[in-house]
PDB file of N, CA and C in Angstrom:
ATOM      1  N   UNK A   1       0.761  -1.299  -0.041  1.00  0.00           N
ATOM      2  CA  UNK A   1       0.319  -0.048   0.100  1.00  0.00           C
ATOM      3  C   UNK A   1       0.878   1.259   0.096  1.00  0.00           C
ATOM      4  N   UNK A   2       1.876   1.279   0.764  1.00  0.00           N
ATOM      5  CA  UNK A   2       2.849   2.554   0.744  1.00  0.00           C
ATOM      6  C   UNK A   2       4.086   2.329  -0.274  1.00  0.00           C
ATOM      7  N   UNK A   3       4.509   3.127  -0.947  1.00  0.00           N
ATOM      8  CA  UNK A   3       5.490   3.161  -1.567  1.00  0.00           C
ATOM      9  C   UNK A   3       6.693   3.652  -0.541  1.00  0.00           C
ATOM     10  N   UNK A   4       8.083   3.464  -1.016  1.00  0.00           N
ATOM     11  CA  UNK A   4       9.223   3.712  -0.047  1.00  0.00           C
ATOM     12  C   UNK A   4       9.299   5.361   0.248  1.00  0.00           C
ATOM     13  N   UNK A   5       8.759   6.163  -0.590  1.00  0.00           N
ATOM     14  CA  UNK A   5       8.733   7.613  -0.419  1.00  0.00           C
ATOM     15  C   UNK A   5       7.442   8.275   0.073  1.00  0.00           C
ATOM     16  N   UNK A   6       6.602   7.511   0.665  1.00  0.00           N
ATOM     17  CA  UNK A   6       5.304   7.831   1.347  1.00  0.00           C
ATOM     18  C   UNK A   6       5.835   8.054   2.699  1.00  0.00           C
ATOM     19  N   UNK A   7       5.265   9.355   3.191  1.00  0.00           N
ATOM     20  CA  UNK A   7       5.405   9.582   4.571  1.00  0.00           C
ATOM     21  C   UNK A   7       4.799   8.533   5.219  1.00  0.00           C
ATOM     22  N   UNK A   8       5.401   8.780   6.731  1.00  0.00           N
ATOM     23  CA  UNK A   8       5.017   7.666   7.846  1.00  0.00           C
ATOM     24  C   UNK A   8       3.343   8.166   8.198  1.00  0.00           C
ATOM     25  N   UNK A   9       2.567   7.499   8.808  1.00  0.00           N
ATOM     26  CA  UNK A   9       1.212   7.640   9.083  1.00  0.00           C
ATOM     27  C   UNK A   9       1.237   8.500  10.296  1.00  0.00           C
ATOM     28  N   UNK A  10       0.630   9.725  10.238  1.00  0.00           N
ATOM     29  CA  UNK A  10       0.918  10.785  11.178  1.00  0.00           C
ATOM     30  C   UNK A  10      -0.721  11.084  11.899  1.00  0.00           C
ATOM     31  N   UNK A  11      -1.721  11.022  11.127  1.00  0.00           N
ATOM     32  CA  UNK A  11      -3.146  10.987  11.732  1.00  0.00           C
ATOM     33  C   UNK A  11      -4.125   9.892  11.616  1.00  0.00           C
ATOM     34  N   UNK A  12      -4.769   9.534  12.369  1.00  0.00           N
ATOM     35  CA  UNK A  12      -5.601   8.542  12.217  1.00  0.00           C
ATOM     36  C   UNK A  12      -7.011   8.678  12.948  1.00  0.00           C
ATOM     37  N   UNK A  13      -7.898   8.345  12.108  1.00  0.00           N
ATOM     38  CA  UNK A  13      -9.346   8.293  12.532  1.00  0.00           C
ATOM     39  C   UNK A  13     -10.197   6.811  12.618  1.00  0.00           C
ATOM     40  N   UNK A  14      -9.938   6.316  13.840  1.00  0.00           N
ATOM     41  CA  UNK A  14     -10.295   4.947  14.180  1.00  0.00           C
ATOM     42  C   UNK A  14     -11.786   4.317  13.764  1.00  0.00           C
ATOM     43  N   UNK A  15     -11.886   2.973  13.552  1.00  0.00           N
ATOM     44  CA  UNK A  15     -13.020   2.514  13.085  1.00  0.00           C
ATOM     45  C   UNK A  15     -14.259   2.965  13.819  1.00  0.00           C
ATOM     46  N   UNK A  16     -13.996   3.268  15.159  1.00  0.00           N
ATOM     47  CA  UNK A  16     -15.523   3.304  15.856  1.00  0.00           C
ATOM     48  C   UNK A  16     -15.517   4.851  16.258  1.00  0.00           C
ATOM     49  N   UNK A  17     -14.846   5.844  15.284  1.00  0.00           N
ATOM     50  CA  UNK A  17     -14.983   7.147  15.601  1.00  0.00           C
ATOM     51  C   UNK A  17     -15.731   7.911  14.570  1.00  0.00           C
ATOM     52  N   UNK A  18     -16.316   9.042  14.861  1.00  0.00           N
ATOM     53  CA  UNK A  18     -17.088   9.698  14.113  1.00  0.00           C
ATOM     54  C   UNK A  18     -16.391  11.296  14.245  1.00  0.00           C
ATOM     55  N   UNK A  19     -15.955  11.827  13.021  1.00  0.00           N
ATOM     56  CA  UNK A  19     -15.594  13.063  13.151  1.00  0.00           C
ATOM     57  C   UNK A  19     -16.192  13.988  12.025  1.00  0.00           C
ATOM     58  N   UNK A  20     -16.495  15.333  12.467  1.00  0.00           N
ATOM     59  CA  UNK A  20     -17.120  16.369  11.704  1.00  0.00           C
ATOM     60  C   UNK A  20     -16.273  17.300  11.765  1.00  0.00           C
ATOM     61  N   UNK A  21     -15.991  17.963  10.560  1.00  0.00           N
ATOM     62  CA  UNK A  21     -14.875  19.084  10.488  1.00  0.00           C
ATOM     63  C   UNK A  21     -14.012  18.926   9.508  1.00  0.00           C
ATOM     64  N   UNK A  22     -13.368  19.811   8.908  1.00  0.00           N
ATOM     65  CA  UNK A  22     -12.275  20.074   8.232  1.00  0.00           C
ATOM     66  C   UNK A  22     -10.901  19.334   8.738  1.00  0.00           C
ATOM     67  N   UNK A  23     -10.145  18.838   7.818  1.00  0.00           N
ATOM     68  CA  UNK A  23      -8.651  18.694   8.613  1.00  0.00           C
ATOM     69  C   UNK A  23      -7.825  18.824   7.406  1.00  0.00           C
ATOM     70  N   UNK A  24      -6.673  19.672   7.860  1.00  0.00           N
ATOM     71  CA  UNK A  24      -5.363  19.918   7.282  1.00  0.00           C
ATOM     72  C   UNK A  24      -4.325  19.454   7.964  1.00  0.00           C
ATOM     73  N   UNK A  25      -3.524  18.473   7.403  1.00  0.00           N
ATOM     74  CA  UNK A  25      -2.270  17.878   7.961  1.00  0.00           C
ATOM     75  C   UNK A  25      -1.039  17.688   7.108  1.00  0.00           C
ATOM     76  N   UNK A  26       0.076  17.618   7.622  1.00  0.00           N
ATOM     77  CA  UNK A  26       1.075  17.137   6.781  1.00  0.00           C
ATOM     78  C   UNK A  26       1.362  15.506   7.060  1.00  0.00           C
ATOM     79  N   UNK A  27       1.656  14.950   6.103  1.00  0.00           N
ATOM     80  CA  UNK A  27       2.054  13.372   6.189  1.00  0.00           C
ATOM     81  C   UNK A  27       0.780  12.843   5.873  1.00  0.00           C
ATOM     82  N   UNK A  28       0.629  11.405   6.386  1.00  0.00           N
ATOM     83  CA  UNK A  28      -0.335  10.657   5.834  1.00  0.00           C
ATOM     84  C   UNK A  28      -1.753  10.608   7.102  1.00  0.00           C
ATOM     85  N   UNK A  29      -2.757  10.911   6.511  1.00  0.00           N
ATOM     86  CA  UNK A  29      -4.185  10.509   7.445  1.00  0.00           C
ATOM     87  C   UNK A  29      -4.818   9.227   6.952  1.00  0.00           C
ATOM     88  N   UNK A  30      -4.982   8.519   7.813  1.00  0.00           N
ATOM     89  CA  UNK A  30      -5.708   7.127   7.886  1.00  0.00           C
ATOM     90  C   UNK A  30      -7.184   7.393   8.284  1.00  0.00           C
ATOM     91  N   UNK A  31      -8.233   7.266   7.546  1.00  0.00           N
ATOM     92  CA  UNK A  31      -9.540   7.005   7.954  1.00  0.00           C
ATOM     93  C   UNK A  31     -10.413   5.760   7.876  1.00  0.00           C
ATOM     94  N   UNK A  32     -10.600   5.218   9.036  1.00  0.00           N
ATOM     95  CA  UNK A  32     -11.283   3.782   9.203  1.00  0.00           C
ATOM     96  C   UNK A  32     -12.682   4.122   9.713  1.00  0.00           C
ATOM     97  N   UNK A  33     -13.119   5.451  10.242  1.00  0.00           N
ATOM     98  CA  UNK A  33     -14.456   5.566  10.591  1.00  0.00           C
ATOM     99  C   UNK A  33     -15.224   6.298   9.858  1.00  0.00           C
ATOM    100  N   UNK A  34     -16.172   7.263  10.419  1.00  0.00           N
ATOM    101  CA  UNK A  34     -17.006   7.972   9.536  1.00  0.00           C
ATOM    102  C   UNK A  34     -16.455   9.303   9.699  1.00  0.00           C
ATOM    103  N   UNK A  35     -16.504   9.967   8.499  1.00  0.00           N
ATOM    104  CA  UNK A  35     -16.113  11.571   8.517  1.00  0.00           C
ATOM    105  C   UNK A  35     -16.945  12.514   7.632  1.00  0.00           C
ATOM    106  N   UNK A  36     -17.150  13.690   8.251  1.00  0.00           N
ATOM    107  CA  UNK A  36     -17.903  14.694   7.519  1.00  0.00           C
ATOM    108  C   UNK A  36     -17.236  15.967   7.446  1.00  0.00           C
ATOM    109  N   UNK A  37     -16.637  16.283   6.147  1.00  0.00           N
ATOM    110  CA  UNK A  37     -15.665  17.214   6.122  1.00  0.00           C
ATOM    111  C   UNK A  37     -14.601  17.155   4.962  1.00  0.00           C
ATOM    112  N   UNK A  38     -13.985  18.290   4.796  1.00  0.00           N
ATOM    113  CA  UNK A  38     -12.984  18.304   3.625  1.00  0.00           C
ATOM    114  C   UNK A  38     -11.599  18.048   4.395  1.00  0.00           C
ATOM    115  N   UNK A  39     -10.802  17.336   3.412  1.00  0.00           N
ATOM    116  CA  UNK A  39      -9.467  16.650   4.004  1.00  0.00           C
ATOM    117  C   UNK A  39      -8.351  17.271   2.764  1.00  0.00           C
ATOM    118  N   UNK A  40      -7.199  17.784   3.487  1.00  0.00           N
ATOM    119  CA  UNK A  40      -5.979  18.281   2.756  1.00  0.00           C
ATOM    120  C   UNK A  40      -4.712  17.780   3.672  1.00  0.00           C
ATOM    121  N   UNK A  41      -4.089  16.782   2.873  1.00  0.00           N
ATOM    122  CA  UNK A  41      -3.124  16.273   3.670  1.00  0.00           C
ATOM    123  C   UNK A  41      -2.171  15.785   2.238  1.00  0.00           C
ATOM    124  N   UNK A  42      -0.857  15.189   2.996  1.00  0.00           N
ATOM    125  CA  UNK A  42       0.122  14.818   1.756  1.00  0.00           C
ATOM    126  C   UNK A  42      -0.426  13.415   1.075  1.00  0.00           C
ATOM    127  N   UNK A  43      -0.824  12.455   1.995  1.00  0.00           N
ATOM    128  CA  UNK A  43      -1.370  11.275   1.661  1.00  0.00           C
ATOM    129  C   UNK A  43      -2.742  11.001   2.439  1.00  0.00           C
ATOM    130  N   UNK A  44      -3.872  10.304   1.595  1.00  0.00           N
ATOM    131  CA  UNK A  44      -4.949  10.028   2.607  1.00  0.00           C
ATOM    132  C   UNK A  44      -5.424   8.445   2.147  1.00  0.00           C
ATOM    133  N   UNK A  45      -5.506   7.855   3.243  1.00  0.00           N
ATOM    134  CA  UNK A  45      -5.682   6.279   2.945  1.00  0.00           C
ATOM    135  C   UNK A  45      -7.281   6.132   3.709  1.00  0.00           C
ATOM    136  N   UNK A  46      -8.380   5.699   3.005  1.00  0.00           N
ATOM    137  CA  UNK A  46      -9.419   5.139   3.436  1.00  0.00           C
ATOM    138  C   UNK A  46      -9.603   3.601   3.579  1.00  0.00           C
ATOM    139  N   UNK A  47      -9.705   3.206   4.791  1.00  0.00           N
ATOM    140  CA  UNK A  47      -9.875   1.655   5.086  1.00  0.00           C
ATOM    141  C   UNK A  47     -11.269   1.282   4.416  1.00  0.00           C
ATOM    142  N   UNK A  48     -11.353   0.073   4.404  1.00  0.00           N
ATOM    143  CA  UNK A  48     -12.640  -0.674   3.613  1.00  0.00           C
ATOM    144  C   UNK A  48     -13.914  -0.207   4.508  1.00  0.00           C
ATOM    145  N   UNK A  49     -13.972   0.113   5.846  1.00  0.00           N
ATOM    146  CA  UNK A  49     -15.144   0.328   6.421  1.00  0.00           C
ATOM    147  C   UNK A  49     -15.453   1.928   6.461  1.00  0.00           C
ATOM    148  N   UNK A  50     -14.357   2.833   5.868  1.00  0.00           N
ATOM    149  CA  UNK A  50     -14.255   4.345   6.124  1.00  0.00           C
ATOM    150  C   UNK A  50     -15.672   4.791   5.029  1.00  0.00           C
ATOM    151  N   UNK A  51     -15.952   5.621   5.634  1.00  0.00           N
ATOM    152  CA  UNK A  51     -17.154   6.623   4.958  1.00  0.00           C
ATOM    153  C   UNK A  51     -16.706   8.106   5.292  1.00  0.00           C
ATOM    154  N   UNK A  52     -16.608   8.841   4.105  1.00  0.00           N
ATOM    155  CA  UNK A  52     -16.203  10.236   4.186  1.00  0.00           C
ATOM    156  C   UNK A  52     -17.045  11.063   3.268  1.00  0.00           C
ATOM    157  N   UNK A  53     -17.505  12.003   3.720  1.00  0.00           N
ATOM    158  CA  UNK A  53     -18.393  12.959   3.107  1.00  0.00           C
ATOM    159  C   UNK A  53     -17.743  14.385   2.921  1.00  0.00           C
ATOM    160  N   UNK A  54     -17.106  14.693   1.822  1.00  0.00           N
ATOM    161  CA  UNK A  54     -16.372  15.876   1.495  1.00  0.00           C
ATOM    162  C   UNK A  54     -15.321  15.599   0.556  1.00  0.00           C
ATOM    163  N   UNK A  55     -14.483  16.713   0.351  1.00  0.00           N
ATOM    164  CA  UNK A  55     -13.488  16.612  -0.754  1.00  0.00           C
ATOM    165  C   UNK A  55     -12.360  16.322  -0.215  1.00  0.00           C
ATOM    166  N   UNK A  56     -11.417  15.639  -1.137  1.00  0.00           N
ATOM    167  CA  UNK A  56     -10.013  15.222  -0.500  1.00  0.00           C
ATOM    168  C   UNK A  56      -8.958  15.740  -1.486  1.00  0.00           C
ATOM    169  N   UNK A  57      -7.996  16.745  -0.944  1.00  0.00           N
ATOM    170  CA  UNK A  57      -6.886  17.064  -1.758  1.00  0.00           C
ATOM    171  C   UNK A  57      -5.651  16.647  -1.041  1.00  0.00           C
ATOM    172  N   UNK A  58      -4.862  16.045  -2.122  1.00  0.00           N
ATOM    173  CA  UNK A  58      -3.594  15.231  -1.643  1.00  0.00           C
ATOM    174  C   UNK A  58      -2.700  14.909  -2.528  1.00  0.00           C
ATOM    175  N   UNK A  59      -1.380  14.363  -2.406  1.00  0.00           N
ATOM    176  CA  UNK A  59      -0.411  14.116  -3.153  1.00  0.00           C
ATOM    177  C   UNK A  59      -1.121  12.699  -3.590  1.00  0.00           C
ATOM    178  N   UNK A  60      -1.506  12.029  -2.889  1.00  0.00           N
ATOM    179  CA  UNK A  60      -2.048  10.379  -3.262  1.00  0.00           C
ATOM    180  C   UNK A  60      -3.081  10.144  -2.197  1.00  0.00           C
ATOM    181  N   UNK A  61      -4.038   9.466  -2.761  1.00  0.00           N
ATOM    182  CA  UNK A  61      -5.239   9.126  -2.067  1.00  0.00           C
ATOM    183  C   UNK A  61      -5.654   7.579  -2.497  1.00  0.00           C
ATOM    184  N   UNK A  62      -5.751   6.606  -1.496  1.00  0.00           N
ATOM    185  CA  UNK A  62      -6.090   5.465  -1.482  1.00  0.00           C
ATOM    186  C   UNK A  62      -7.420   5.269  -1.123  1.00  0.00           C
ATOM    187  N   UNK A  63      -8.440   4.755  -1.886  1.00  0.00           N
ATOM    188  CA  UNK A  63      -9.834   4.541  -1.143  1.00  0.00           C
ATOM    189  C   UNK A  63     -10.149   3.016  -1.270  1.00  0.00           C
ATOM    190  N   UNK A  64     -10.550   2.577   0.102  1.00  0.00           N
ATOM    191  CA  UNK A  64     -11.099   1.252   0.158  1.00  0.00           C
ATOM    192  C   UNK A  64     -12.201   1.186   0.684  1.00  0.00           C
ATOM    193  N   UNK A  65     -12.696   2.376   0.873  1.00  0.00           N
ATOM    194  CA  UNK A  65     -14.282   2.583   1.523  1.00  0.00           C
ATOM    195  C   UNK A  65     -15.044   3.565   0.411  1.00  0.00           C
ATOM    196  N   UNK A  66     -15.877   4.313   1.276  1.00  0.00           N
ATOM    197  CA  UNK A  66     -17.035   5.263   0.390  1.00  0.00           C
ATOM    198  C   UNK A  66     -16.433   6.466   0.565  1.00  0.00           C
ATOM    199  N   UNK A  67     -16.475   7.214  -0.545  1.00  0.00           N
ATOM    200  CA  UNK A  67     -16.229   8.607  -0.475  1.00  0.00           C
ATOM    201  C   UNK A  67     -17.298   9.316  -1.390  1.00  0.00           C
ATOM    202  N   UNK A  68     -17.988  10.364  -0.682  1.00  0.00           N
ATOM    203  CA  UNK A  68     -18.985  11.253  -1.419  1.00  0.00           C
ATOM    204  C   UNK A  68     -18.275  12.596  -1.367  1.00  0.00           C
ATOM    205  N   UNK A  69     -17.695  12.838  -2.778  1.00  0.00           N
ATOM    206  CA  UNK A  69     -17.098  14.061  -2.852  1.00  0.00           C
ATOM    207  C   UNK A  69     -16.138  13.972  -3.841  1.00  0.00           C
ATOM    208  N   UNK A  70     -15.131  15.381  -4.200  1.00  0.00           N
ATOM    209  CA  UNK A  70     -14.276  15.235  -5.214  1.00  0.00           C
ATOM    210  C   UNK A  70     -13.017  14.680  -4.653  1.00  0.00           C
ATOM    211  N   UNK A  71     -12.239  14.346  -5.530  1.00  0.00           N
ATOM    212  CA  UNK A  71     -10.580  13.868  -5.171  1.00  0.00           C
ATOM    213  C   UNK A  71      -9.891  14.514  -6.035  1.00  0.00           C
ATOM    214  N   UNK A  72      -9.010  15.382  -5.491  1.00  0.00           N
ATOM    215  CA  UNK A  72      -7.906  16.079  -6.409  1.00  0.00           C
ATOM    216  C   UNK A  72      -6.568  15.558  -5.741  1.00  0.00           C
ATOM    217  N   UNK A  73      -5.726  14.942  -6.704  1.00  0.00           N
ATOM    218  CA  UNK A  73      -4.414  14.261  -6.227  1.00  0.00           C
ATOM    219  C   UNK A  73      -3.394  14.661  -7.332  1.00  0.00           C
ATOM    220  N   UNK A  74      -2.472  15.151  -6.698  1.00  0.00           N
ATOM    221  CA  UNK A  74      -1.245  15.594  -7.738  1.00  0.00           C
ATOM    222  C   UNK A  74      -0.466  14.371  -8.237  1.00  0.00           C
ATOM    223  N   UNK A  75      -0.435  13.095  -7.430  1.00  0.00           N
ATOM    224  CA  UNK A  75       0.471  11.999  -8.180  1.00  0.00           C
ATOM    225  C   UNK A  75      -0.700  10.783  -8.424  1.00  0.00           C
ATOM    226  N   UNK A  76      -1.491  10.339  -7.560  1.00  0.00           N
ATOM    227  CA  UNK A  76      -2.166   9.110  -7.940  1.00  0.00           C
ATOM    228  C   UNK A  76      -3.551   8.972  -7.032  1.00  0.00           C
ATOM    229  N   UNK A  77      -4.431   8.464  -7.591  1.00  0.00           N
ATOM    230  CA  UNK A  77      -5.657   7.995  -6.818  1.00  0.00           C
ATOM    231  C   UNK A  77      -5.883   6.675  -7.120  1.00  0.00           C
ATOM    232  N   UNK A  78      -5.834   5.657  -6.107  1.00  0.00           N
ATOM    233  CA  UNK A  78      -5.830   4.098  -6.360  1.00  0.00           C
ATOM    234  C   UNK A  78      -7.170   3.736  -5.597  1.00  0.00           C
ATOM    235  N   UNK A  79      -8.226   3.030  -6.402  1.00  0.00           N
ATOM    236  CA  UNK A  79      -9.338   2.367  -5.726  1.00  0.00           C
ATOM    237  C   UNK A  79      -9.045   1.039  -5.594  1.00  0.00           C
ATOM    238  N   UNK A  80      -9.476   0.602  -4.207  1.00  0.00           N
ATOM    239  CA  UNK A  80      -9.359  -0.752  -4.167  1.00  0.00           C
ATOM    240  C   UNK A  80     -10.774  -1.464  -4.457  1.00  0.00           C
ATOM    241  N   UNK A  81     -10.852  -2.780  -4.413  1.00  0.00           N
ATOM    242  CA  UNK A  81     -12.040  -3.561  -4.942  1.00  0.00           C
ATOM    243  C   UNK A  81     -13.351  -3.090  -4.290  1.00  0.00           C
ATOM    244  N   UNK A  82     -13.291  -2.880  -2.938  1.00  0.00           N
ATOM    245  CA  UNK A  82     -14.456  -2.274  -2.278  1.00  0.00           C
ATOM    246  C   UNK A  82     -14.613  -0.816  -2.092  1.00  0.00           C
ATOM    247  N   UNK A  83     -13.817  -0.397  -2.799  1.00  0.00           N
ATOM    248  CA  UNK A  83     -13.710   1.329  -2.670  1.00  0.00           C
ATOM    249  C   UNK A  83     -14.964   1.799  -3.816  1.00  0.00           C
ATOM    250  N   UNK A  84     -15.508   3.100  -3.239  1.00  0.00           N
ATOM    251  CA  UNK A  84     -16.882   3.458  -4.122  1.00  0.00           C
ATOM    252  C   UNK A  84     -16.632   4.808  -3.965  1.00  0.00           C
ATOM    253  N   UNK A  85     -16.756   5.887  -5.177  1.00  0.00           N
ATOM    254  CA  UNK A  85     -16.556   7.215  -5.143  1.00  0.00           C
ATOM    255  C   UNK A  85     -17.751   7.643  -5.842  1.00  0.00           C
ATOM    256  N   UNK A  86     -18.191   8.909  -5.103  1.00  0.00           N
ATOM    257  CA  UNK A  86     -19.558   9.471  -5.830  1.00  0.00           C
ATOM    258  C   UNK A  86     -19.015  11.005  -5.874  1.00  0.00           C
ATOM    259  N   UNK A  87     -18.496  11.268  -7.006  1.00  0.00           N
ATOM    260  CA  UNK A  87     -17.885  12.567  -7.092  1.00  0.00           C
ATOM    261  C   UNK A  87     -16.772  12.591  -8.392  1.00  0.00           C
ATOM    262  N   UNK A  88     -16.100  13.632  -8.654  1.00  0.00           N
ATOM    263  CA  UNK A  88     -15.357  13.960  -9.603  1.00  0.00           C
ATOM    264  C   UNK A  88     -13.799  13.630  -9.039  1.00  0.00           C
ATOM    265  N   UNK A  89     -13.125  12.890 -10.007  1.00  0.00           N
ATOM    266  CA  UNK A  89     -11.707  12.571  -9.848  1.00  0.00           C
ATOM    267  C   UNK A  89     -10.532  13.340 -10.728  1.00  0.00           C
ATOM    268  N   UNK A  90      -9.804  14.082 -10.145  1.00  0.00           N
ATOM    269  CA  UNK A  90      -8.645  14.834 -10.936  1.00  0.00           C
ATOM    270  C   UNK A  90      -7.149  14.285 -10.375  1.00  0.00           C
ATOM    271  N   UNK A  91      -6.660  13.720 -11.421  1.00  0.00           N
ATOM    272  CA  UNK A  91      -5.276  13.164 -10.779  1.00  0.00           C
ATOM    273  C   UNK A  91      -4.475  12.864 -12.401  1.00  0.00           C
ATOM    274  N   UNK A  92      -3.162  12.905 -11.935  1.00  0.00           N
ATOM    275  CA  UNK A  92      -2.121  12.200 -13.156  1.00  0.00           C
ATOM    276  C   UNK A  92      -2.266  10.662 -13.686  1.00  0.00           C
ATOM    277  N   UNK A  93      -2.311   9.974 -12.257  1.00  0.00           N
ATOM    278  CA  UNK A  93      -2.506   8.457 -12.618  1.00  0.00           C
ATOM    279  C   UNK A  93      -3.527   8.115 -11.673  1.00  0.00           C
ATOM    280  N   UNK A  94      -4.462   7.163 -12.398  1.00  0.00           N
ATOM    281  CA  UNK A  94      -5.796   6.597 -11.772  1.00  0.00           C
ATOM    282  C   UNK A  94      -5.662   5.006 -11.872  1.00  0.00           C
ATOM    283  N   UNK A  95      -5.586   4.552 -11.104  1.00  0.00           N
ATOM    284  CA  UNK A  95      -5.595   2.869 -10.737  1.00  0.00           C
ATOM    285  C   UNK A  95      -6.784   2.453  -9.949  1.00  0.00           C
ATOM    286  N   UNK A  96      -7.403   1.255 -10.537  1.00  0.00           N
ATOM    287  CA  UNK A  96      -8.441   0.374  -9.941  1.00  0.00           C
ATOM    288  C   UNK A  96      -7.828  -1.146  -9.813  1.00  0.00           C
ATOM    289  N   UNK A  97      -7.937  -1.493  -8.364  1.00  0.00           N
ATOM    290  CA  UNK A  97      -7.323  -2.893  -8.209  1.00  0.00           C
ATOM    291  C   UNK A  97      -8.341  -3.578  -7.455  1.00  0.00           C
TER     292      UNK A  97
END
């Protein structure tokens, strides 16, 4: 999931957590719970059970759960087998696995 140049995990929203509000952080944000708000980070990883309503802007985005919003990635957007997106995607590299 991580390439060698990906920053270490800096922020985490756990599986039993509900977060409302915008997040702006350096490094990697992993979301396994429910979030409502916009995200701006270096890397964003959404686990299989994650649900996010809002826009994501990052260098790289990995979606294993559900996103209702727009994705803007400088480098890559990767959609996993159970990943779902309802919104626009803007990126240089788009991968579905």
